[in-house]
C-alpha cells in the first residue's frame, strides 16, 4: 500500500498511523520530494479527474489565473501542494482522501 501526500499533511499522517496500527504494510511518498511522473499523474487524473485538485486550499487560490484555468495536470505539476490528499493505492485500487468511507473500506479489510 502506498500513500501519496506531503510529510507536513496532518491527514496523511493520520491515515498512515491508522493503517500501520491496523497491520497494513504502508509506504509513504512525499510528492514534493519525489514528484509524480507524467504517467503516474495521468493515471490519478484518469481515476479522480478534477477532484484531484484541492480548490479550497490557499495554495490553489495563490495560483495565477493562467494556472487556475489550466488542466489539473499542469496545476499539480507546477504546485504539488494543490493535490488533494492523501491518495492511497491499495493494489490496483485508488482512494482519495481519508474520510469515513475510505477508512471503513481500508480498515475493515484488516479485520478479515
N, C-alpha and C. Protein backbone atom coordinates (compact mmCIF):
# COMPACT_ATOMS: atom_id res chain seq x y z
N UNK A 1 0.85 -1.17 0.00
CA UNK A 1 0.00 0.00 0.00
C UNK A 1 0.90 1.23 0.00
N UNK A 2 0.53 2.21 -0.83
CA UNK A 2 1.31 3.45 -0.92
C UNK A 2 0.38 4.62 -0.62
N UNK A 3 0.86 5.53 0.21
CA UNK A 3 0.16 6.79 0.44
C UNK A 3 0.96 7.88 -0.25
N UNK A 4 0.30 8.62 -1.14
CA UNK A 4 0.90 9.77 -1.79
C UNK A 4 0.39 11.01 -1.06
N UNK A 5 1.31 11.87 -0.64
CA UNK A 5 0.89 13.07 0.06
C UNK A 5 2.09 13.94 0.38
N UNK A 6 1.97 14.67 1.49
CA UNK A 6 3.05 15.54 1.96
C UNK A 6 3.39 15.16 3.40
N UNK A 7 4.67 15.20 3.73
CA UNK A 7 5.09 14.87 5.10
C UNK A 7 4.43 15.79 6.11
N UNK A 8 4.12 17.02 5.71
CA UNK A 8 3.54 18.01 6.62
C UNK A 8 2.01 17.95 6.70
N UNK A 9 1.38 17.06 5.94
CA UNK A 9 -0.08 16.96 5.90
C UNK A 9 -0.59 16.12 7.07
N UNK A 10 -1.37 16.75 7.96
CA UNK A 10 -1.85 16.03 9.14
C UNK A 10 -2.80 14.89 8.77
N UNK A 11 -3.58 15.06 7.73
CA UNK A 11 -4.49 13.99 7.30
C UNK A 11 -3.70 12.79 6.78
N UNK A 12 -2.63 13.06 6.05
CA UNK A 12 -1.77 11.98 5.55
C UNK A 12 -1.15 11.22 6.73
N UNK A 13 -0.72 11.96 7.75
CA UNK A 13 -0.12 11.33 8.92
C UNK A 13 -1.14 10.47 9.67
N UNK A 14 -2.37 10.96 9.80
CA UNK A 14 -3.43 10.19 10.47
C UNK A 14 -3.71 8.90 9.71
N UNK A 15 -3.81 9.00 8.38
CA UNK A 15 -4.08 7.83 7.57
C UNK A 15 -2.97 6.80 7.73
N UNK A 16 -1.75 7.27 7.65
CA UNK A 16 -0.61 6.36 7.76
C UNK A 16 -0.59 5.65 9.12
N UNK A 17 -0.78 6.41 10.20
CA UNK A 17 -0.76 5.83 11.54
C UNK A 17 -1.89 4.81 11.72
N UNK A 18 -3.07 5.13 11.24
CA UNK A 18 -4.21 4.22 11.39
C UNK A 18 -3.99 2.93 10.60
N UNK A 19 -3.49 3.06 9.38
CA UNK A 19 -3.25 1.87 8.55
C UNK A 19 -2.14 1.00 9.14
N UNK A 20 -1.07 1.64 9.61
CA UNK A 20 0.02 0.87 10.22
C UNK A 20 -0.46 0.19 11.50
N UNK A 21 -1.26 0.90 12.29
CA UNK A 21 -1.78 0.32 13.53
C UNK A 21 -2.69 -0.87 13.24
N UNK A 22 -3.31 -0.86 12.07
CA UNK A 22 -4.19 -1.97 11.68
C UNK A 22 -3.41 -3.10 11.02
N UNK A 23 -2.08 -2.97 10.99
CA UNK A 23 -1.26 -4.05 10.46
C UNK A 23 -0.98 -3.99 8.97
N UNK A 24 -1.31 -2.89 8.34
CA UNK A 24 -1.04 -2.75 6.90
C UNK A 24 0.43 -2.41 6.68
N UNK A 25 0.98 -2.91 5.58
CA UNK A 25 2.33 -2.57 5.16
C UNK A 25 2.21 -1.31 4.30
N UNK A 26 2.63 -0.18 4.87
CA UNK A 26 2.41 1.11 4.22
C UNK A 26 3.73 1.77 3.89
N UNK A 27 3.85 2.25 2.66
CA UNK A 27 4.98 3.12 2.32
C UNK A 27 4.41 4.49 2.01
N UNK A 28 5.19 5.52 2.30
CA UNK A 28 4.73 6.89 2.12
C UNK A 28 5.60 7.58 1.09
N UNK A 29 4.98 8.33 0.21
CA UNK A 29 5.72 9.06 -0.81
C UNK A 29 5.34 10.53 -0.76
N UNK A 30 6.30 11.36 -0.39
CA UNK A 30 6.09 12.80 -0.36
C UNK A 30 6.19 13.31 -1.80
N UNK A 31 5.10 13.85 -2.31
CA UNK A 31 5.06 14.24 -3.72
C UNK A 31 5.85 15.50 -4.03
N UNK A 32 6.31 16.19 -2.99
CA UNK A 32 7.22 17.33 -3.24
C UNK A 32 8.64 16.81 -3.38
N UNK A 33 9.05 15.93 -2.49
CA UNK A 33 10.41 15.40 -2.51
C UNK A 33 10.61 14.42 -3.66
N UNK A 34 9.57 13.68 -4.01
CA UNK A 34 9.62 12.67 -5.06
C UNK A 34 8.38 12.85 -5.95
N UNK A 35 8.41 13.85 -6.85
CA UNK A 35 7.23 14.18 -7.66
C UNK A 35 6.73 13.01 -8.49
N UNK A 36 5.44 13.06 -8.77
CA UNK A 36 4.82 12.04 -9.61
C UNK A 36 5.32 12.17 -11.04
N UNK A 37 5.50 11.04 -11.70
CA UNK A 37 5.88 11.07 -13.12
C UNK A 37 4.64 11.48 -13.93
N UNK A 38 4.83 11.82 -15.18
CA UNK A 38 3.69 12.17 -16.04
C UNK A 38 2.69 11.02 -16.10
N UNK A 39 3.18 9.79 -16.22
CA UNK A 39 2.30 8.62 -16.30
C UNK A 39 1.53 8.41 -14.99
N UNK A 40 2.22 8.56 -13.86
CA UNK A 40 1.54 8.40 -12.57
C UNK A 40 0.45 9.45 -12.39
N UNK A 41 0.78 10.69 -12.72
CA UNK A 41 -0.19 11.77 -12.58
C UNK A 41 -1.36 11.57 -13.53
N UNK A 42 -1.07 11.14 -14.75
CA UNK A 42 -2.15 10.89 -15.72
C UNK A 42 -3.09 9.79 -15.21
N UNK A 43 -2.53 8.77 -14.57
CA UNK A 43 -3.35 7.69 -14.02
C UNK A 43 -4.25 8.18 -12.90
N UNK A 44 -3.72 9.04 -12.04
CA UNK A 44 -4.53 9.59 -10.94
C UNK A 44 -5.63 10.50 -11.48
N UNK A 45 -5.30 11.28 -12.49
CA UNK A 45 -6.31 12.17 -13.07
C UNK A 45 -7.37 11.37 -13.81
N UNK A 46 -6.97 10.28 -14.45
CA UNK A 46 -7.95 9.41 -15.11
C UNK A 46 -8.92 8.84 -14.08
N UNK A 47 -8.44 8.56 -12.88
CA UNK A 47 -9.27 7.99 -11.82
C UNK A 47 -10.15 9.04 -11.14
N UNK A 48 -9.56 10.21 -10.81
CA UNK A 48 -10.27 11.19 -9.99
C UNK A 48 -10.68 12.48 -10.70
N UNK A 49 -10.11 12.73 -11.88
CA UNK A 49 -10.45 13.96 -12.60
C UNK A 49 -10.08 15.20 -11.81
N UNK A 50 -10.93 16.21 -11.91
CA UNK A 50 -10.67 17.48 -11.24
C UNK A 50 -10.71 17.39 -9.72
N UNK A 51 -11.28 16.31 -9.18
CA UNK A 51 -11.31 16.15 -7.72
C UNK A 51 -9.90 16.03 -7.15
N UNK A 52 -8.92 15.74 -8.01
CA UNK A 52 -7.54 15.59 -7.55
C UNK A 52 -6.93 16.94 -7.14
N UNK A 53 -7.55 18.04 -7.55
CA UNK A 53 -7.06 19.37 -7.18
C UNK A 53 -7.92 19.92 -6.05
N UNK A 54 -7.26 20.34 -4.97
CA UNK A 54 -7.96 20.92 -3.82
C UNK A 54 -8.15 22.41 -4.07
N UNK A 55 -9.31 22.76 -4.59
CA UNK A 55 -9.59 24.15 -4.95
C UNK A 55 -9.91 25.03 -3.75
N UNK A 56 -10.01 24.44 -2.57
CA UNK A 56 -10.28 25.22 -1.36
C UNK A 56 -9.01 25.67 -0.66
N UNK A 57 -7.87 25.14 -1.10
CA UNK A 57 -6.61 25.42 -0.41
C UNK A 57 -6.08 26.82 -0.73
N UNK A 58 -5.31 27.35 0.21
CA UNK A 58 -4.64 28.64 -0.02
C UNK A 58 -3.67 28.53 -1.18
N UNK A 59 -3.04 27.37 -1.33
CA UNK A 59 -2.09 27.19 -2.43
C UNK A 59 -2.79 27.30 -3.78
N UNK A 60 -3.99 26.75 -3.89
CA UNK A 60 -4.74 26.87 -5.15
C UNK A 60 -5.11 28.33 -5.39
N UNK A 61 -5.62 28.99 -4.35
CA UNK A 61 -6.02 30.39 -4.52
C UNK A 61 -4.84 31.27 -4.91
N UNK A 62 -3.62 30.87 -4.55
CA UNK A 62 -2.43 31.65 -4.87
C UNK A 62 -1.93 31.43 -6.30
N UNK A 63 -2.49 30.43 -6.99
CA UNK A 63 -2.07 30.20 -8.39
C UNK A 63 -2.44 31.39 -9.25
N UNK A 64 -1.64 31.62 -10.28
CA UNK A 64 -2.00 32.70 -11.20
C UNK A 64 -3.20 32.26 -12.05
N UNK A 65 -3.83 33.23 -12.70
CA UNK A 65 -5.04 32.94 -13.47
C UNK A 65 -4.80 31.91 -14.57
N UNK A 66 -3.62 31.97 -15.20
CA UNK A 66 -3.33 31.02 -16.27
C UNK A 66 -3.36 29.60 -15.72
N UNK A 67 -2.71 29.38 -14.58
CA UNK A 67 -2.69 28.04 -14.00
C UNK A 67 -4.07 27.61 -13.50
N UNK A 68 -4.82 28.55 -12.92
CA UNK A 68 -6.17 28.21 -12.45
C UNK A 68 -7.05 27.73 -13.60
N UNK A 69 -6.80 28.23 -14.78
CA UNK A 69 -7.59 27.84 -15.95
C UNK A 69 -6.96 26.69 -16.73
N UNK A 70 -5.86 26.17 -16.23
CA UNK A 70 -5.17 25.06 -16.88
C UNK A 70 -5.75 23.73 -16.42
N UNK A 71 -5.30 22.67 -17.05
CA UNK A 71 -5.71 21.32 -16.66
C UNK A 71 -5.12 20.97 -15.29
N UNK A 72 -5.75 20.01 -14.63
CA UNK A 72 -5.29 19.57 -13.31
C UNK A 72 -3.83 19.13 -13.35
N UNK A 73 -3.42 18.47 -14.43
CA UNK A 73 -2.03 18.01 -14.54
C UNK A 73 -1.04 19.16 -14.43
N UNK A 74 -1.35 20.26 -15.12
CA UNK A 74 -0.46 21.42 -15.10
C UNK A 74 -0.44 22.05 -13.71
N UNK A 75 -1.58 22.11 -13.06
CA UNK A 75 -1.66 22.70 -11.73
C UNK A 75 -0.84 21.90 -10.73
N UNK A 76 -0.99 20.58 -10.73
CA UNK A 76 -0.27 19.74 -9.78
C UNK A 76 1.22 19.69 -10.10
N UNK A 77 1.56 19.67 -11.37
CA UNK A 77 2.98 19.67 -11.75
C UNK A 77 3.66 20.95 -11.31
N UNK A 78 2.97 22.08 -11.44
CA UNK A 78 3.55 23.36 -11.06
C UNK A 78 3.59 23.56 -9.55
N UNK A 79 2.59 23.04 -8.86
CA UNK A 79 2.46 23.26 -7.41
C UNK A 79 1.89 21.99 -6.78
N UNK A 80 2.75 21.01 -6.45
CA UNK A 80 2.26 19.73 -5.93
C UNK A 80 1.34 19.86 -4.71
N UNK A 81 1.48 20.94 -3.93
CA UNK A 81 0.66 21.10 -2.74
C UNK A 81 -0.82 21.26 -3.05
N UNK A 82 -1.19 21.55 -4.30
CA UNK A 82 -2.62 21.69 -4.62
C UNK A 82 -3.30 20.34 -4.82
N UNK A 83 -2.53 19.27 -4.82
CA UNK A 83 -3.14 17.95 -4.98
C UNK A 83 -3.92 17.59 -3.72
N UNK A 84 -5.16 17.16 -3.90
CA UNK A 84 -5.96 16.68 -2.77
C UNK A 84 -5.26 15.44 -2.22
N UNK A 85 -5.29 15.29 -0.93
CA UNK A 85 -4.54 14.20 -0.34
C UNK A 85 -5.20 13.72 0.94
N UNK A 86 -4.84 12.56 1.35
CA UNK A 86 -3.91 11.64 0.70
C UNK A 86 -4.57 10.88 -0.46
N UNK A 87 -3.72 10.40 -1.35
CA UNK A 87 -4.15 9.43 -2.36
C UNK A 87 -3.53 8.11 -1.90
N UNK A 88 -4.37 7.10 -1.78
CA UNK A 88 -3.92 5.81 -1.27
C UNK A 88 -4.10 4.76 -2.35
N UNK A 89 -3.00 4.06 -2.66
CA UNK A 89 -3.06 2.95 -3.62
C UNK A 89 -2.96 1.66 -2.85
N UNK A 90 -4.02 0.86 -2.97
CA UNK A 90 -4.05 -0.47 -2.34
C UNK A 90 -4.17 -1.46 -3.48
N UNK A 91 -3.04 -2.01 -3.91
CA UNK A 91 -3.04 -2.89 -5.09
C UNK A 91 -3.39 -2.06 -6.32
N UNK A 92 -4.45 -2.45 -7.01
CA UNK A 92 -4.87 -1.72 -8.21
C UNK A 92 -5.98 -0.71 -7.92
N UNK A 93 -6.35 -0.57 -6.65
CA UNK A 93 -7.44 0.32 -6.28
C UNK A 93 -6.90 1.61 -5.69
N UNK A 94 -7.48 2.74 -6.12
CA UNK A 94 -7.07 4.05 -5.62
C UNK A 94 -8.17 4.67 -4.79
N UNK A 95 -7.77 5.37 -3.74
CA UNK A 95 -8.70 6.09 -2.87
C UNK A 95 -8.21 7.52 -2.72
N UNK A 96 -9.14 8.45 -2.64
CA UNK A 96 -8.80 9.86 -2.48
C UNK A 96 -9.35 10.35 -1.16
N UNK A 97 -8.46 10.85 -0.31
CA UNK A 97 -8.87 11.38 0.97
C UNK A 97 -8.83 10.34 2.07
N UNK A 98 -9.25 10.77 3.26
CA UNK A 98 -9.26 9.88 4.42
C UNK A 98 -10.56 10.12 5.18
N UNK A 99 -11.65 10.05 4.45
CA UNK A 99 -12.96 10.24 5.08
C UNK A 99 -13.46 8.91 5.64
N UNK A 100 -14.65 8.95 6.21
CA UNK A 100 -15.20 7.76 6.86
C UNK A 100 -15.34 6.58 5.89
N UNK A 101 -15.76 6.88 4.66
CA UNK A 101 -15.97 5.80 3.68
C UNK A 101 -14.64 5.10 3.34
N UNK A 102 -13.58 5.88 3.15
CA UNK A 102 -12.27 5.29 2.83
C UNK A 102 -11.76 4.51 4.04
N UNK A 103 -11.89 5.07 5.23
CA UNK A 103 -11.44 4.37 6.43
C UNK A 103 -12.18 3.05 6.60
N UNK A 104 -13.48 3.06 6.36
CA UNK A 104 -14.29 1.85 6.53
C UNK A 104 -13.79 0.73 5.61
N UNK A 105 -13.51 1.08 4.36
CA UNK A 105 -13.06 0.08 3.40
C UNK A 105 -11.66 -0.44 3.75
N UNK A 106 -10.73 0.49 3.98
CA UNK A 106 -9.34 0.09 4.18
C UNK A 106 -9.08 -0.53 5.55
N UNK A 107 -9.76 -0.06 6.56
CA UNK A 107 -9.54 -0.63 7.90
C UNK A 107 -10.37 -1.88 8.11
N UNK A 108 -11.52 -1.99 7.45
CA UNK A 108 -12.35 -3.19 7.57
C UNK A 108 -11.64 -4.38 6.97
N UNK A 109 -10.90 -4.15 5.90
CA UNK A 109 -10.21 -5.27 5.24
C UNK A 109 -9.10 -5.82 6.14
N UNK A 110 -8.75 -5.07 7.18
CA UNK A 110 -7.73 -5.56 8.12
C UNK A 110 -8.31 -6.57 9.09
N UNK A 111 -9.63 -6.56 9.23
CA UNK A 111 -10.28 -7.46 10.19
C UNK A 111 -10.51 -8.86 9.64
N UNK A 112 -10.27 -9.05 8.35
CA UNK A 112 -10.55 -10.36 7.72
C UNK A 112 -9.68 -11.46 8.29
